[in-house]
């Protein structure tokens, strides 16, 4: 019997399909489809059959589709009792009706069905996952399954607008840590997303799925994401983590954001996290915790790039390369004297355009703008609006520079007031 070439079929349509041997004897019905994970993600490893003696697994290359729409075993010995789920993802059990992450669309969606594809004769894997269906078409199939003949159901569903996500853009969420490791499910592609997008995805997930994704992120990505979510969600994300793990994440955060986070936690928990942090990072955060959260110092970061006025552009480039803070937030290089008094600032664009031997004081802005550490956020916002600022240095009572307020902090403050 010949296989059709590259024909689409839905999981809903396949489930329950009779499976016969070459003589036409019924051997079971299709219960589920096992899909490989890791490097072979998306390849159908086997089909799960419900037989008289229990569940059995048939390797994908040992089964074929007949012109009548049934499934046929290539050899009688292909049936193997399913005693262990192995390193497989089961489409019906693990995917349908579950939340997944659409990497391409950067959103959380629910799976209504799965579209598979029969490949041409001689292919290494005769059946493969093409895409997941998240729209009305998949829901229609499942609602009317068993109420309409298969051919009629497929014909009617094809008239509905498809809404599918190609398998390569699907990130499956597994809440069981042990099974996640076993299935080799990693969220490497999530780490490549912008922290704001990742934060929105976490907000849209159910608590168990949210915890599964967040706990799998490395410290740097987790820190960037935490900075983008509101305090209530921050607490929820950290709830199941121990103090040592939280400390590792907080150390990667901007000091100002870290201080804001710890200020929202119970004092006992905050102190325990600080105890687990490295001395240098702990000192920075502890100093910021002393400030009023509604003041300029309360929303500043103590991470900024500074040099002496006699430094050159070449030295500025070295300072930027070795800067441990958020490099994307750097818009200016500040010129400080030995007592940390602010003597000027140089826009980054001027540094990029200048010759390496140029002294920074030549490139400095003619006017020096700064604000007092205790300036209220309302007045701070007015300064940013008046002078159209990207960043503003903060000085202490003695006039020494202690930090920088960035425009995104001011924007966040203003949004909270709306």
Protein backbone atom coordinates (compact mmCIF):
# COMPACT_ATOMS: atom_id res chain seq x y z
CA UNK A 1 0.00 0.00 0.00
CA UNK A 2 1.35 3.41 -0.91
CA UNK A 3 1.58 6.34 1.44
CA UNK A 4 0.27 9.72 0.52
CA UNK A 5 3.00 12.33 0.10
CA UNK A 6 3.19 15.12 2.69
CA UNK A 7 -0.48 14.98 3.77
CA UNK A 8 -1.70 16.88 6.84
CA UNK A 9 -3.81 15.20 9.50
CA UNK A 10 -4.93 16.45 12.90
CA UNK A 11 -4.22 14.69 16.16
CA UNK A 12 -7.95 14.81 16.95
CA UNK A 13 -8.74 12.96 13.72
CA UNK A 14 -6.06 10.33 14.37
CA UNK A 15 -6.96 9.53 17.98
CA UNK A 16 -9.09 6.40 18.19
CA UNK A 17 -8.12 5.27 14.69
CA UNK A 18 -8.13 1.45 14.33
CA UNK A 19 -4.70 -0.14 13.88
CA UNK A 20 -4.58 -3.45 12.01
CA UNK A 21 -1.91 -5.91 10.96
CA UNK A 22 -1.21 -6.78 7.33
CA UNK A 23 -3.98 -9.41 7.40
CA UNK A 24 -6.53 -6.83 8.51
CA UNK A 25 -6.83 -8.05 12.11
CA UNK A 26 -7.48 -5.32 14.67
CA UNK A 27 -4.47 -4.89 16.98
CA UNK A 28 -5.61 -1.81 18.86
CA UNK A 29 -6.64 1.84 18.57
CA UNK A 30 -4.48 4.94 18.61
CA UNK A 31 -4.33 6.37 22.14
CA UNK A 32 -1.58 9.00 21.83
CA UNK A 33 1.53 10.00 19.90
CA UNK A 34 4.97 10.08 21.49
CA UNK A 35 7.23 12.89 20.30
CA UNK A 36 10.97 13.15 20.85
CA UNK A 37 12.51 16.07 22.74
CA UNK A 38 16.00 17.56 22.88
CA UNK A 39 17.92 17.52 19.56
CA UNK A 40 15.18 15.43 17.88
CA UNK A 41 12.33 17.65 19.07
CA UNK A 42 9.21 17.32 16.93
CA UNK A 43 10.02 13.92 15.46
CA UNK A 44 7.36 11.32 16.13
CA UNK A 45 9.14 8.55 18.03
CA UNK A 46 6.18 6.23 18.28
CA UNK A 47 2.45 5.77 18.42
CA UNK A 48 0.73 4.63 21.61
CA UNK A 49 -1.94 1.98 21.03
CA UNK A 50 -4.65 0.81 23.37
CA UNK A 51 -4.76 -2.99 22.99
CA UNK A 52 -6.58 -5.79 24.78
CA UNK A 53 -3.51 -6.40 26.95
CA UNK A 54 -2.84 -2.75 27.76
CA UNK A 55 -0.91 0.12 26.23
CA UNK A 56 1.75 -0.58 23.60
CA UNK A 57 4.25 1.60 21.77
CA UNK A 58 4.87 1.22 18.04
CA UNK A 59 7.97 2.88 16.50
CA UNK A 60 6.87 5.46 13.93
CA UNK A 61 8.66 3.70 11.08
CA UNK A 62 6.65 0.52 11.77
CA UNK A 63 3.27 2.02 10.99
CA UNK A 64 1.69 3.45 7.87
CA UNK A 65 -1.56 5.02 6.77
CA UNK A 66 -3.86 3.10 4.45
CA UNK A 67 -6.02 4.62 1.69
CA UNK A 68 -9.05 3.86 3.88
CA UNK A 69 -7.70 6.16 6.60
CA UNK A 70 -6.82 3.39 9.06
CA UNK A 71 -3.33 2.58 10.33
CA UNK A 72 -1.47 -0.59 9.51
CA UNK A 73 1.49 -2.29 11.19
CA UNK A 74 4.39 -3.13 8.92
CA UNK A 75 5.35 -6.15 11.04
CA UNK A 76 3.57 -8.21 13.68
CA UNK A 77 6.43 -7.83 16.18
CA UNK A 78 6.32 -4.04 16.19
CA UNK A 79 4.09 -3.80 19.29
CA UNK A 80 6.08 -3.24 22.50
CA UNK A 81 4.34 -2.95 25.90
CA UNK A 82 4.50 0.61 27.21
CA UNK A 83 5.90 0.14 30.72
CA UNK A 84 7.75 3.46 30.99
CA UNK A 85 6.96 6.85 29.48
CA UNK A 86 10.63 7.26 28.60
CA UNK A 87 11.97 10.53 27.27
CA UNK A 88 8.84 11.28 25.30
CA UNK A 89 6.35 14.10 25.14
CA UNK A 90 2.83 12.76 24.58
CA UNK A 91 0.79 15.08 22.38
CA UNK A 92 -2.66 14.34 23.79
CA UNK A 93 -1.57 13.94 27.41
CA UNK A 94 1.05 16.69 27.66
CA UNK A 95 0.10 19.26 25.04
CA UNK A 96 -3.60 19.50 24.18
CA UNK A 97 -5.47 21.88 26.50
CA UNK A 98 -2.16 23.00 28.02
CA UNK A 99 -0.46 26.37 27.98
CA UNK A 100 2.60 26.77 25.78
CA UNK A 101 4.84 29.68 24.86
CA UNK A 102 4.77 30.96 21.31
CA UNK A 103 8.38 32.08 20.90
CA UNK A 104 7.77 33.87 17.61
CA UNK A 105 4.66 35.69 18.81
CA UNK A 106 6.12 36.24 22.30
CA UNK A 107 2.92 35.20 24.04
CA UNK A 108 1.24 32.46 26.03
CA UNK A 109 -1.40 30.40 24.20
CA UNK A 110 -3.49 27.29 24.81
CA UNK A 111 -3.28 24.31 22.47
CA UNK A 112 -6.55 23.11 20.93
CA UNK A 113 -5.12 20.52 18.55
CA UNK A 114 -1.94 19.43 16.80
CA UNK A 115 -1.42 19.14 13.06
CA UNK A 116 0.83 16.31 11.90
CA UNK A 117 2.19 15.50 8.49
CA UNK A 118 2.68 12.19 6.70
CA UNK A 119 5.96 12.31 4.87
CA UNK A 120 6.81 10.65 1.55
CA UNK A 121 7.72 7.01 1.34
CA UNK A 122 11.27 6.25 2.44
CA UNK A 123 11.51 9.18 4.91
CA UNK A 124 13.36 8.41 8.15
CA UNK A 125 10.33 9.57 10.15
CA UNK A 126 7.06 8.93 8.36
CA UNK A 127 5.02 11.14 10.63
CA UNK A 128 6.11 14.49 12.04
CA UNK A 129 4.58 17.35 14.00
CA UNK A 130 3.92 20.31 11.72
CA UNK A 131 2.29 22.85 14.01
CA UNK A 132 0.01 23.32 16.98
CA UNK A 133 -3.48 24.70 16.44
CA UNK A 134 -4.56 27.42 18.88
CA UNK A 135 -7.64 28.76 17.12
CA UNK A 136 -11.26 27.88 16.45
CA UNK A 137 -10.41 25.14 13.96
CA UNK A 138 -8.84 22.92 16.62
CA UNK A 139 -11.64 23.60 19.11
CA UNK A 140 -14.25 22.73 16.45
CA UNK A 141 -12.61 19.39 15.72
CA UNK A 142 -12.57 18.38 19.35
CA UNK A 143 -16.13 19.50 20.09
CA UNK A 144 -17.63 17.58 17.17
CA UNK A 145 -15.33 14.55 17.30
CA UNK A 146 -17.58 11.47 17.37
CA UNK A 147 -20.65 13.49 16.42
CA UNK A 148 -19.72 13.80 12.75
CA UNK A 149 -18.05 11.32 10.39
CA UNK A 150 -14.29 11.85 10.25
CA UNK A 151 -14.28 12.95 6.60
CA UNK A 152 -17.12 15.42 7.22
CA UNK A 153 -15.44 16.79 10.33
CA UNK A 154 -12.13 17.32 8.54
CA UNK A 155 -13.86 18.92 5.57
CA UNK A 156 -15.84 21.36 7.71
CA UNK A 157 -12.90 22.23 9.96
CA UNK A 158 -10.76 23.08 6.94
CA UNK A 159 -13.23 25.83 6.09
CA UNK A 160 -12.39 27.60 9.34
CA UNK A 161 -9.49 30.01 9.43
CA UNK A 162 -6.38 28.23 10.74
CA UNK A 163 -4.40 29.66 13.62
CA UNK A 164 -1.30 27.56 14.01
CA UNK A 165 2.18 27.91 15.40
CA UNK A 166 4.99 26.02 13.62
CA UNK A 167 6.53 23.46 15.94
CA UNK A 168 9.93 25.16 15.90
CA UNK A 169 8.38 28.18 17.65
CA UNK A 170 6.77 26.16 20.45
CA UNK A 171 8.19 26.02 23.97
CA UNK A 172 6.45 23.32 25.99
CA UNK A 173 6.03 23.97 29.72
CA UNK A 174 6.67 21.07 32.10
CA UNK A 175 5.94 21.77 35.75
CA UNK A 176 7.63 18.65 37.13
CA UNK A 177 11.36 19.49 37.52
CA UNK A 178 12.44 15.83 37.35
CA UNK A 179 10.48 15.20 34.16
CA UNK A 180 11.67 18.49 32.68
CA UNK A 181 15.25 17.28 33.07
CA UNK A 182 14.38 13.84 31.74
CA UNK A 183 12.71 15.33 28.67
CA UNK A 184 15.62 17.73 28.23
CA UNK A 185 13.25 20.69 28.10
CA UNK A 186 15.29 23.87 28.34
CA UNK A 187 14.23 27.46 27.93
CA UNK A 188 17.28 28.71 26.06
CA UNK A 189 15.17 30.55 23.50
CA UNK A 190 13.35 32.42 26.26
CA UNK A 191 16.70 33.72 27.48
CA UNK A 192 17.15 35.40 24.09
CA UNK A 193 13.93 37.41 24.49
CA UNK A 194 13.80 40.99 25.70
CA UNK A 195 13.21 41.00 29.48
CA UNK A 196 9.98 42.99 29.00
CA UNK A 197 8.57 40.30 26.70
CA UNK A 198 9.63 37.57 29.09
CA UNK A 199 8.02 39.43 31.99
CA UNK A 200 4.71 39.64 30.10
CA UNK A 201 4.84 35.93 29.37
CA UNK A 202 5.36 35.13 33.05
CA UNK A 203 2.44 37.39 33.97
CA UNK A 204 0.17 35.46 31.60
CA UNK A 205 1.14 32.00 32.88
CA UNK A 206 -0.68 30.09 35.59
CA UNK A 207 1.27 29.95 38.90
CA UNK A 208 2.65 26.40 38.43
CA UNK A 209 3.77 27.06 34.85
CA UNK A 210 5.21 30.44 35.85
CA UNK A 211 7.28 28.82 38.59
CA UNK A 212 8.51 26.09 36.21
CA UNK A 213 9.75 28.62 33.67
CA UNK A 214 11.26 31.14 36.09
CA UNK A 215 13.18 28.58 38.17
CA UNK A 216 14.80 27.26 34.99
CA UNK A 217 16.27 30.65 33.98
CA UNK A 218 19.86 31.48 34.82
CA UNK A 219 20.59 34.22 37.35
CA UNK A 220 21.28 36.97 34.83
CA UNK A 221 18.10 36.43 32.80
CA UNK A 222 16.03 35.98 35.95
CA UNK A 223 17.41 39.25 37.34
CA UNK A 224 16.62 41.22 34.16
CA UNK A 225 13.11 39.78 34.13
CA UNK A 226 12.46 40.57 37.80
CA UNK A 227 13.27 44.21 37.12
CA UNK A 228 10.42 44.33 34.60
CA UNK A 229 7.58 42.91 36.73
CA UNK A 230 5.55 44.57 39.47
CA UNK A 231 6.36 43.98 43.17
CA UNK A 232 3.45 41.59 43.71
CA UNK A 233 4.64 39.28 40.94
CA UNK A 234 8.25 39.62 42.13
CA UNK A 235 7.22 38.16 45.47
CA UNK A 236 5.33 35.33 43.77
CA UNK A 237 8.30 34.44 41.57
CA UNK A 238 10.67 34.30 44.56
CA UNK A 239 8.27 32.49 46.85
CA UNK A 240 9.53 28.95 46.18
CA UNK A 241 13.24 29.85 46.02
CA UNK A 242 15.66 29.64 48.94
CA UNK A 243 17.63 32.68 50.14
CA UNK A 244 20.87 31.55 48.48
CA UNK A 245 19.26 31.27 45.05
CA UNK A 246 17.47 34.62 45.51
CA UNK A 247 20.75 36.24 46.55
CA UNK A 248 22.42 34.97 43.36
CA UNK A 249 19.65 36.60 41.32
CA UNK A 250 19.61 39.85 43.31
CA UNK A 251 23.39 40.22 42.85
CA UNK A 252 22.79 40.35 39.08
CA UNK A 253 20.15 43.08 39.39
CA UNK A 254 20.72 46.80 39.15
CA UNK A 255 21.45 47.88 42.77
CA UNK A 256 18.54 50.31 42.78
CA UNK A 257 16.12 47.66 41.51
CA UNK A 258 17.54 45.17 44.01
CA UNK A 259 16.97 47.62 46.87
CA UNK A 260 13.39 48.22 45.71
CA UNK A 261 12.78 44.47 45.63
CA UNK A 262 14.21 43.80 49.09
CA UNK A 263 12.27 46.75 50.53
CA UNK A 264 9.04 45.00 49.50
CA UNK A 265 9.95 41.73 51.26
CA UNK A 266 9.50 40.99 54.97
CA UNK A 267 12.47 42.35 56.93
CA UNK A 268 13.51 38.89 58.13
CA UNK A 269 13.62 37.51 54.59
CA UNK A 270 15.36 40.61 53.25
CA UNK A 271 18.08 40.33 55.94
CA UNK A 272 18.56 36.62 55.17
CA UNK A 273 19.03 37.38 51.46
CA UNK A 274 21.52 40.16 52.20
CA UNK A 275 23.53 37.75 54.36
CA UNK A 276 23.90 35.41 51.38
CA UNK A 277 25.11 38.16 49.02
CA UNK A 278 28.72 38.97 48.23
CA UNK A 279 30.08 41.81 50.46
CA UNK A 280 30.47 44.41 47.69
CA UNK A 281 26.99 43.92 46.24
CA UNK A 282 25.49 43.73 49.73
CA UNK A 283 27.02 47.07 50.73
CA UNK A 284 25.67 48.81 47.62
CA UNK A 285 22.16 47.55 48.21
CA UNK A 286 22.21 48.24 51.97
CA UNK A 287 23.21 51.85 51.33
CA UNK A 288 20.33 52.30 48.92
CA UNK A 289 17.87 50.74 51.37
CA UNK A 290 18.57 53.63 53.74
CA UNK A 291 17.05 56.17 51.34
CA UNK A 292 13.41 57.23 51.11
CA UNK A 293 11.89 55.30 48.21
CA UNK A 294 10.10 58.46 47.01
CA UNK A 295 13.33 60.46 46.74
CA UNK A 296 15.84 60.72 43.92
CA UNK A 297 18.21 58.47 45.89
CA UNK A 298 15.40 55.96 46.34
CA UNK A 299 15.06 55.40 42.59
CA UNK A 300 18.67 55.86 41.49
CA UNK A 301 21.28 53.26 40.63
CA UNK A 302 24.78 53.38 42.07
CA UNK A 303 26.13 51.72 38.92
CA UNK A 304 27.51 54.32 36.52
CA UNK A 305 30.65 54.90 34.47
CA UNK A 306 32.97 57.65 35.69
CA UNK A 307 36.53 58.81 35.05
CA UNK A 308 38.70 61.83 35.74
CA UNK A 309 38.48 64.89 33.50
CA UNK A 310 41.98 64.17 32.18
CA UNK A 311 41.06 60.68 30.98
CA UNK A 312 41.07 59.97 27.26
CA UNK A 313 38.52 58.46 24.93
CA UNK A 314 40.63 55.28 24.81
CA UNK A 315 40.39 54.99 28.61
CA UNK A 316 36.65 55.60 28.39
CA UNK A 317 36.34 52.70 25.96
CA UNK A 318 38.19 50.46 28.43
CA UNK A 319 35.89 51.59 31.26
CA UNK A 320 32.81 50.80 29.19
CA UNK A 321 34.13 47.34 28.31
CA UNK A 322 34.73 46.48 31.97
CA UNK A 323 31.53 48.06 33.32
CA UNK A 324 29.61 45.46 35.36
CA UNK A 325 26.27 47.27 35.34
CA UNK A 326 23.59 47.43 32.68
CA UNK A 327 25.58 48.55 29.65
CA UNK A 328 22.44 49.38 27.67
CA UNK A 329 21.51 52.02 30.25
CA UNK A 330 24.75 53.97 29.83
CA UNK A 331 24.11 57.24 28.01
CA UNK A 332 26.87 59.37 29.54
CA UNK A 333 30.28 59.11 31.16
CA UNK A 334 30.66 61.26 34.27
CA UNK A 335 33.80 63.18 35.16
CA UNK A 336 34.62 63.16 38.89
CA UNK A 337 37.54 64.54 40.84
CA UNK A 338 39.33 62.67 43.62
CA UNK A 339 36.65 63.64 46.15
CA UNK A 340 33.87 62.41 43.78
CA UNK A 341 32.62 65.91 43.04
CA UNK A 342 30.91 66.07 39.64
CA UNK A 343 32.98 68.06 37.15
CA UNK A 344 31.14 67.25 33.95
CA UNK A 345 29.47 64.63 31.81
CA UNK A 346 30.17 63.39 28.29
CA UNK A 347 27.38 62.00 26.08
CA UNK A 348 28.25 58.54 24.83
CA UNK A 349 27.71 59.60 21.22
CA UNK A 350 30.58 62.10 21.50
CA UNK A 351 32.88 59.42 22.89
CA UNK A 352 32.10 57.13 19.97
CA UNK A 353 32.84 59.83 17.38
CA UNK A 354 36.07 61.19 18.96
CA UNK A 355 39.68 60.12 18.42
CA UNK A 356 41.16 57.75 21.04
CA UNK A 357 43.68 60.31 22.33
CA UNK A 358 41.05 63.05 22.90
CA UNK A 359 40.64 64.15 26.53
CA UNK A 360 37.13 63.76 27.90
CA UNK A 361 37.06 67.29 29.37
CA UNK A 362 37.15 68.62 25.79
CA UNK A 363 33.96 66.67 25.00
CA UNK A 364 32.11 67.51 28.22
CA UNK A 365 28.77 69.32 28.29
CA UNK A 366 29.19 73.02 29.13
CA UNK A 367 26.47 72.89 31.79
CA UNK A 368 26.41 70.43 34.67
CA UNK A 369 22.97 69.23 35.73
CA UNK A 370 22.44 67.20 38.90
CA UNK A 371 19.90 66.84 41.70
CA UNK A 372 20.02 66.44 45.47
CA UNK A 373 19.66 62.94 46.87
CA UNK A 374 16.51 63.89 48.83
CA UNK A 375 14.67 65.53 45.90
CA UNK A 376 11.10 64.20 45.77
CA UNK A 377 10.09 62.08 42.78
CA UNK A 378 7.51 64.64 41.64
CA UNK A 379 10.16 67.36 41.36
CA UNK A 380 12.54 64.87 39.77
CA UNK A 381 9.99 64.11 37.06
CA UNK A 382 9.61 67.84 36.40
CA UNK A 383 13.37 68.15 35.83
CA UNK A 384 13.36 65.27 33.35
CA UNK A 385 10.46 66.87 31.50
CA UNK A 386 11.94 70.38 31.53
CA UNK A 387 15.38 69.41 30.25
CA UNK A 388 14.34 66.35 28.21
CA UNK A 389 16.85 64.17 30.08
CA UNK A 390 17.90 60.58 29.58
CA UNK A 391 19.73 60.46 32.91
CA UNK A 392 20.44 62.75 35.85
CA UNK A 393 23.32 62.51 38.37
CA UNK A 394 22.41 62.43 42.07
CA UNK A 395 24.65 64.11 44.66
CA UNK A 396 24.69 63.81 48.46
CA UNK A 397 24.56 66.61 51.02
CA UNK A 398 28.29 67.29 50.52
CA UNK A 399 27.90 67.50 46.73
CA UNK A 400 29.52 64.12 45.97
CA UNK A 401 28.03 62.04 43.20
CA UNK A 402 26.34 58.91 44.58
CA UNK A 403 24.25 57.64 41.70
CA UNK A 404 22.21 58.21 38.55
CA UNK A 405 18.48 58.29 37.89
CA UNK A 406 17.54 56.97 34.46
CA UNK A 407 14.51 58.06 32.46
CA UNK A 408 12.92 54.60 32.63
CA UNK A 409 12.70 54.90 36.44
CA UNK A 410 10.89 58.22 36.09
CA UNK A 411 8.54 56.77 33.47
CA UNK A 412 7.72 53.86 35.78
CA UNK A 413 6.99 56.27 38.60
CA UNK A 414 4.68 58.35 36.41
CA UNK A 415 2.84 55.28 35.16
CA UNK A 416 2.17 54.19 38.75
CA UNK A 417 0.53 57.57 39.38
CA UNK A 418 -1.94 57.18 36.51
